[in-house]
């Protein structure tokens, strides 16, 4: 056993997605594409007598993490740090689940492989209703394209071969669970159209164009998000909405050029890594 282990998991912005349901949570998930971010979540797991989960020194409850720890039969201290907010479309819950799985496996010598741990974290988040594709994207890094849904034993991943500066502003929270429950054919039709466009031309320009079209056609844009995206377009920039949060992201300096004061980072070329 190790006393502790620390994992960095990149944040993840989803540009567009579809919903793929299955009774087996390791087969369920989504197709789509997004950006893994150099702004992410650092998860430290320590051996402990009682289970506890902290984010930025605040005790929190994260169902996906509890499901991961149940699967690993682990009562440990999960202590995470991040500048990214929960419920804002940055994949924080997925990062917590994946980081907890990888670090707990090392601390408690569970002897599981990377794909087994990704599968556990993915299934846990699907069952919690907090995400469908963040975990597998965060395990890959870069600008991942999810061609088929599910965990590592079932999905097919590709990527846009590029790196880019990413700017973002967070306006408010949206409930991933409620959107997933309410959305249906309209969302999937828009997601399939966006994926087809990106697969035909796997470039950054195609990604942001497909994402912006998806947000509008799936009727997920809020008035405030739509206004910011229009401002970026008027400044000759490219922006869209993070799925799922009232958050706008732009490539390059799109938000800055439109007069906003965004946070910024870069796409992160690798998946989750031990520190």
Protein backbone atom coordinates (compact mmCIF):
# COMPACT_ATOMS: atom_id res chain seq x y z
CA UNK A 1 0.00 0.00 0.00
CA UNK A 2 0.94 3.64 -0.56
CA UNK A 3 0.00 6.36 1.89
CA UNK A 4 -1.31 8.61 -0.88
CA UNK A 5 -1.43 9.12 -4.65
CA UNK A 6 -2.18 12.23 -6.73
CA UNK A 7 -3.65 12.37 -10.24
CA UNK A 8 -4.24 15.35 -12.51
CA UNK A 9 -7.32 15.01 -14.71
CA UNK A 10 -7.89 17.59 -17.46
CA UNK A 11 -11.14 19.49 -17.54
CA UNK A 12 -13.33 18.70 -20.52
CA UNK A 13 -15.66 20.90 -22.53
CA UNK A 14 -18.15 19.01 -24.69
CA UNK A 15 -19.08 20.84 -27.87
CA UNK A 16 -21.83 18.44 -28.98
CA UNK A 17 -23.10 14.97 -28.16
CA UNK A 18 -25.75 12.32 -28.59
CA UNK A 19 -27.34 10.15 -25.92
CA UNK A 20 -26.89 6.37 -26.12
CA UNK A 21 -28.80 4.44 -23.46
CA UNK A 22 -28.14 0.88 -22.36
CA UNK A 23 -28.99 -1.21 -19.31
CA UNK A 24 -25.25 -1.82 -18.95
CA UNK A 25 -23.70 1.54 -17.90
CA UNK A 26 -20.34 0.54 -19.38
CA UNK A 27 -22.02 0.35 -22.82
CA UNK A 28 -24.13 3.50 -22.36
CA UNK A 29 -22.70 6.93 -23.03
CA UNK A 30 -22.50 9.32 -25.93
CA UNK A 31 -20.97 10.14 -29.25
CA UNK A 32 -19.60 13.65 -29.68
CA UNK A 33 -16.50 15.80 -29.43
CA UNK A 34 -14.86 18.22 -27.05
CA UNK A 35 -11.71 19.82 -25.69
CA UNK A 36 -9.54 18.44 -22.87
CA UNK A 37 -8.21 21.41 -20.90
CA UNK A 38 -4.96 22.25 -19.15
CA UNK A 39 -7.23 23.66 -16.43
CA UNK A 40 -8.40 20.57 -14.61
CA UNK A 41 -8.79 18.77 -11.31
CA UNK A 42 -5.97 17.51 -9.08
CA UNK A 43 -7.20 14.55 -7.03
CA UNK A 44 -5.25 13.22 -4.05
CA UNK A 45 -6.37 10.02 -2.34
CA UNK A 46 -5.12 9.10 1.13
CA UNK A 47 -5.66 5.99 3.18
CA UNK A 48 -8.26 6.69 5.89
CA UNK A 49 -10.55 4.94 8.34
CA UNK A 50 -13.64 6.75 7.02
CA UNK A 51 -14.67 7.87 3.55
CA UNK A 52 -14.70 11.61 2.85
CA UNK A 53 -14.66 13.76 -0.29
CA UNK A 54 -13.36 17.33 -0.39
CA UNK A 55 -13.19 19.84 -3.21
CA UNK A 56 -11.13 22.97 -2.50
CA UNK A 57 -11.23 22.23 1.25
CA UNK A 58 -15.04 21.95 1.27
CA UNK A 59 -16.77 18.67 2.09
CA UNK A 60 -18.99 17.62 -0.82
CA UNK A 61 -21.12 14.69 -1.93
CA UNK A 62 -20.43 13.35 -5.43
CA UNK A 63 -22.46 10.28 -6.31
CA UNK A 64 -20.10 9.25 -9.11
CA UNK A 65 -17.14 9.22 -6.70
CA UNK A 66 -19.08 7.23 -4.12
CA UNK A 67 -19.95 4.68 -6.79
CA UNK A 68 -16.28 4.42 -7.78
CA UNK A 69 -15.24 3.86 -4.17
CA UNK A 70 -18.02 1.29 -3.70
CA UNK A 71 -16.75 -0.59 -6.76
CA UNK A 72 -13.24 -0.58 -5.32
CA UNK A 73 -14.46 -1.45 -1.80
CA UNK A 74 -12.60 1.61 -0.56
CA UNK A 75 -13.01 3.96 2.36
CA UNK A 76 -10.45 6.66 1.65
CA UNK A 77 -10.03 10.42 1.82
CA UNK A 78 -10.49 12.06 -1.60
CA UNK A 79 -9.06 15.57 -1.54
CA UNK A 80 -9.42 17.51 -4.82
CA UNK A 81 -8.44 20.97 -5.99
CA UNK A 82 -9.70 22.82 -9.06
CA UNK A 83 -10.32 26.30 -10.39
CA UNK A 84 -13.16 24.91 -12.49
CA UNK A 85 -16.71 25.11 -11.08
CA UNK A 86 -19.08 22.17 -10.69
CA UNK A 87 -22.19 22.11 -12.87
CA UNK A 88 -20.72 24.44 -15.47
CA UNK A 89 -19.87 22.10 -18.34
CA UNK A 90 -16.22 21.43 -17.48
CA UNK A 91 -16.49 17.74 -16.62
CA UNK A 92 -15.52 18.22 -12.98
CA UNK A 93 -17.61 15.30 -11.70
CA UNK A 94 -16.06 13.04 -14.34
CA UNK A 95 -12.59 14.25 -13.37
CA UNK A 96 -13.29 13.52 -9.71
CA UNK A 97 -14.53 10.02 -10.54
CA UNK A 98 -11.60 9.19 -12.82
CA UNK A 99 -9.00 10.70 -10.49
CA UNK A 100 -10.48 8.84 -7.52
CA UNK A 101 -10.44 5.53 -9.43
CA UNK A 102 -6.82 5.83 -10.57
CA UNK A 103 -5.45 7.11 -7.26
CA UNK A 104 -7.43 4.69 -5.06
CA UNK A 105 -6.23 1.76 -7.11
CA UNK A 106 -2.65 2.78 -6.41
CA UNK A 107 -3.12 3.58 -2.72
CA UNK A 108 -4.93 0.35 -1.94
CA UNK A 109 -3.08 -1.89 -4.42
CA UNK A 110 -6.28 -3.04 -6.11
CA UNK A 111 -4.28 -4.26 -9.11
CA UNK A 112 -6.68 -3.10 -11.82
CA UNK A 113 -5.65 -1.96 -15.28
CA UNK A 114 -6.11 1.55 -16.68
CA UNK A 115 -9.02 0.50 -18.90
CA UNK A 116 -10.70 -1.27 -16.00
CA UNK A 117 -10.48 1.89 -13.89
CA UNK A 118 -11.73 4.12 -16.72
CA UNK A 119 -14.65 1.71 -17.15
CA UNK A 120 -15.49 1.93 -13.45
CA UNK A 121 -15.39 5.74 -13.49
CA UNK A 122 -17.39 5.97 -16.73
CA UNK A 123 -20.06 3.59 -15.48
CA UNK A 124 -20.26 5.41 -12.15
CA UNK A 125 -20.88 8.76 -13.83
CA UNK A 126 -23.47 7.33 -16.21
CA UNK A 127 -25.33 5.79 -13.26
CA UNK A 128 -25.11 9.07 -11.34
CA UNK A 129 -26.60 10.94 -14.30
CA UNK A 130 -23.86 13.57 -14.29
CA UNK A 131 -22.18 12.78 -17.60
CA UNK A 132 -22.03 10.43 -20.55
CA UNK A 133 -18.66 10.96 -22.22
CA UNK A 134 -16.43 13.16 -20.08
CA UNK A 135 -14.51 10.32 -18.43
CA UNK A 136 -13.39 8.60 -21.63
CA UNK A 137 -12.47 11.96 -23.16
CA UNK A 138 -10.48 12.98 -20.08
CA UNK A 139 -8.63 9.68 -20.20
CA UNK A 140 -7.59 10.38 -23.80
CA UNK A 141 -6.84 14.13 -23.75
CA UNK A 142 -6.42 16.47 -26.71
CA UNK A 143 -9.49 17.19 -28.81
CA UNK A 144 -11.23 13.82 -28.61
CA UNK A 145 -13.96 12.64 -30.99
CA UNK A 146 -16.18 9.94 -29.52
CA UNK A 147 -17.26 7.89 -32.53
CA UNK A 148 -19.00 5.18 -30.49
CA UNK A 149 -20.39 5.33 -26.94
CA UNK A 150 -19.39 3.49 -23.80
CA UNK A 151 -16.30 2.63 -21.82
CA UNK A 152 -12.95 1.47 -23.24
CA UNK A 153 -14.17 -2.04 -24.09
CA UNK A 154 -16.94 -0.69 -26.30
CA UNK A 155 -16.17 2.82 -27.56
CA UNK A 156 -14.21 4.09 -30.54
CA UNK A 157 -12.20 7.31 -30.15
CA UNK A 158 -10.47 9.57 -32.63
CA UNK A 159 -9.26 13.17 -32.29
CA UNK A 160 -8.66 16.45 -34.08
CA UNK A 161 -4.84 16.58 -34.42
CA UNK A 162 -4.27 20.09 -33.09
CA UNK A 163 -3.72 22.26 -30.03
CA UNK A 164 -5.32 25.62 -29.29
CA UNK A 165 -5.76 28.34 -26.68
CA UNK A 166 -9.21 28.18 -25.09
CA UNK A 167 -11.02 31.08 -23.42
CA UNK A 168 -14.16 30.67 -21.33
CA UNK A 169 -16.61 32.55 -19.14
CA UNK A 170 -19.04 30.90 -16.75
CA UNK A 171 -22.43 32.56 -16.40
CA UNK A 172 -24.49 30.08 -14.37
CA UNK A 173 -25.09 26.40 -13.68
CA UNK A 174 -27.26 23.95 -15.58
CA UNK A 175 -28.27 20.50 -14.35
CA UNK A 176 -26.82 17.82 -16.62
CA UNK A 177 -29.20 15.26 -15.16
CA UNK A 178 -32.34 17.31 -15.89
CA UNK A 179 -31.27 18.09 -19.47
CA UNK A 180 -30.47 14.43 -20.16
CA UNK A 181 -33.88 13.44 -18.81
CA UNK A 182 -35.80 16.00 -20.87
CA UNK A 183 -33.88 15.89 -24.16
CA UNK A 184 -34.51 13.27 -26.79
CA UNK A 185 -34.85 13.02 -30.53
CA UNK A 186 -34.12 16.70 -31.21
CA UNK A 187 -30.80 16.51 -29.35
CA UNK A 188 -29.71 13.26 -30.98
CA UNK A 189 -30.58 14.46 -34.47
CA UNK A 190 -28.51 17.62 -33.92
CA UNK A 191 -25.66 15.61 -32.41
CA UNK A 192 -25.50 13.13 -35.28
CA UNK A 193 -25.45 15.99 -37.78
CA UNK A 194 -22.60 17.71 -35.90
CA UNK A 195 -20.58 14.50 -35.65
CA UNK A 196 -20.95 13.78 -39.37
CA UNK A 197 -19.71 17.28 -40.18
CA UNK A 198 -16.63 16.91 -37.95
CA UNK A 199 -15.79 13.42 -39.20
CA UNK A 200 -15.83 14.69 -42.79
CA UNK A 201 -13.45 17.51 -41.87
CA UNK A 202 -11.69 16.93 -38.50
CA UNK A 203 -10.42 20.48 -37.93
CA UNK A 204 -10.80 23.07 -35.18
CA UNK A 205 -12.94 25.25 -37.44
CA UNK A 206 -15.29 22.35 -38.15
CA UNK A 207 -15.45 21.48 -34.45
CA UNK A 208 -16.51 24.96 -33.33
CA UNK A 209 -18.91 25.35 -36.28
CA UNK A 210 -20.52 21.97 -35.54
CA UNK A 211 -20.73 22.79 -31.83
CA UNK A 212 -22.41 26.14 -32.42
CA UNK A 213 -24.91 24.57 -34.82
CA UNK A 214 -25.65 21.78 -32.33
CA UNK A 215 -26.34 24.22 -29.49
CA UNK A 216 -28.87 26.10 -31.59
CA UNK A 217 -30.54 23.11 -33.27
CA UNK A 218 -30.85 21.19 -29.98
CA UNK A 219 -32.41 24.32 -28.46
CA UNK A 220 -29.97 24.35 -25.56
CA UNK A 221 -28.79 27.96 -25.92
CA UNK A 222 -29.86 30.29 -23.13
CA UNK A 223 -30.44 33.95 -24.04
CA UNK A 224 -27.29 35.09 -22.23
CA UNK A 225 -25.11 32.45 -23.86
CA UNK A 226 -26.53 33.29 -27.27
CA UNK A 227 -25.77 36.98 -26.75
CA UNK A 228 -22.12 36.28 -25.86
CA UNK A 229 -21.66 33.95 -28.84
CA UNK A 230 -23.10 36.65 -31.13
CA UNK A 231 -20.68 39.20 -29.64
CA UNK A 232 -17.73 36.89 -30.38
CA UNK A 233 -18.95 36.32 -33.94
CA UNK A 234 -19.27 40.08 -34.44
CA UNK A 235 -15.59 40.38 -33.44
CA UNK A 236 -14.67 37.74 -36.07
CA UNK A 237 -14.17 35.07 -33.41
CA UNK A 238 -15.52 31.54 -32.92
CA UNK A 239 -17.42 30.50 -29.80
CA UNK A 240 -20.03 28.04 -28.60
CA UNK A 241 -21.72 26.74 -25.45
CA UNK A 242 -20.17 24.16 -23.11
CA UNK A 243 -22.36 21.09 -22.70
CA UNK A 244 -23.89 21.22 -20.22
CA UNK A 245 -23.48 24.52 -18.45
CA UNK A 246 -24.28 28.17 -18.99
CA UNK A 247 -20.70 28.63 -20.10
CA UNK A 248 -19.29 30.09 -23.31
CA UNK A 249 -15.96 28.89 -24.71
CA UNK A 250 -14.01 30.38 -27.58
CA UNK A 251 -10.94 29.38 -29.55
CA UNK A 252 -7.90 31.66 -29.51
CA UNK A 253 -8.75 35.13 -28.20
CA UNK A 254 -12.37 35.22 -29.31
CA UNK A 255 -13.86 36.32 -25.99
CA UNK A 256 -11.08 38.82 -25.27
CA UNK A 257 -11.50 40.35 -28.72
CA UNK A 258 -15.22 40.76 -28.02
CA UNK A 259 -14.50 42.79 -24.89
CA UNK A 260 -14.94 40.12 -22.22
CA UNK A 261 -12.49 39.19 -19.44
CA UNK A 262 -12.38 35.40 -19.71
CA UNK A 263 -10.36 32.70 -18.03
CA UNK A 264 -8.00 30.99 -20.43
CA UNK A 265 -5.95 27.83 -20.80
CA UNK A 266 -4.88 25.46 -23.57
CA UNK A 267 -6.01 22.11 -24.79
CA UNK A 268 -4.22 19.38 -22.82
CA UNK A 269 -2.52 16.82 -25.08
CA UNK A 270 -2.55 13.93 -22.61
CA UNK A 271 -5.18 12.19 -20.53
CA UNK A 272 -5.19 11.82 -16.76
CA UNK A 273 -1.67 11.50 -15.33
CA UNK A 274 -0.08 10.73 -11.96
CA UNK A 275 1.84 13.57 -10.38
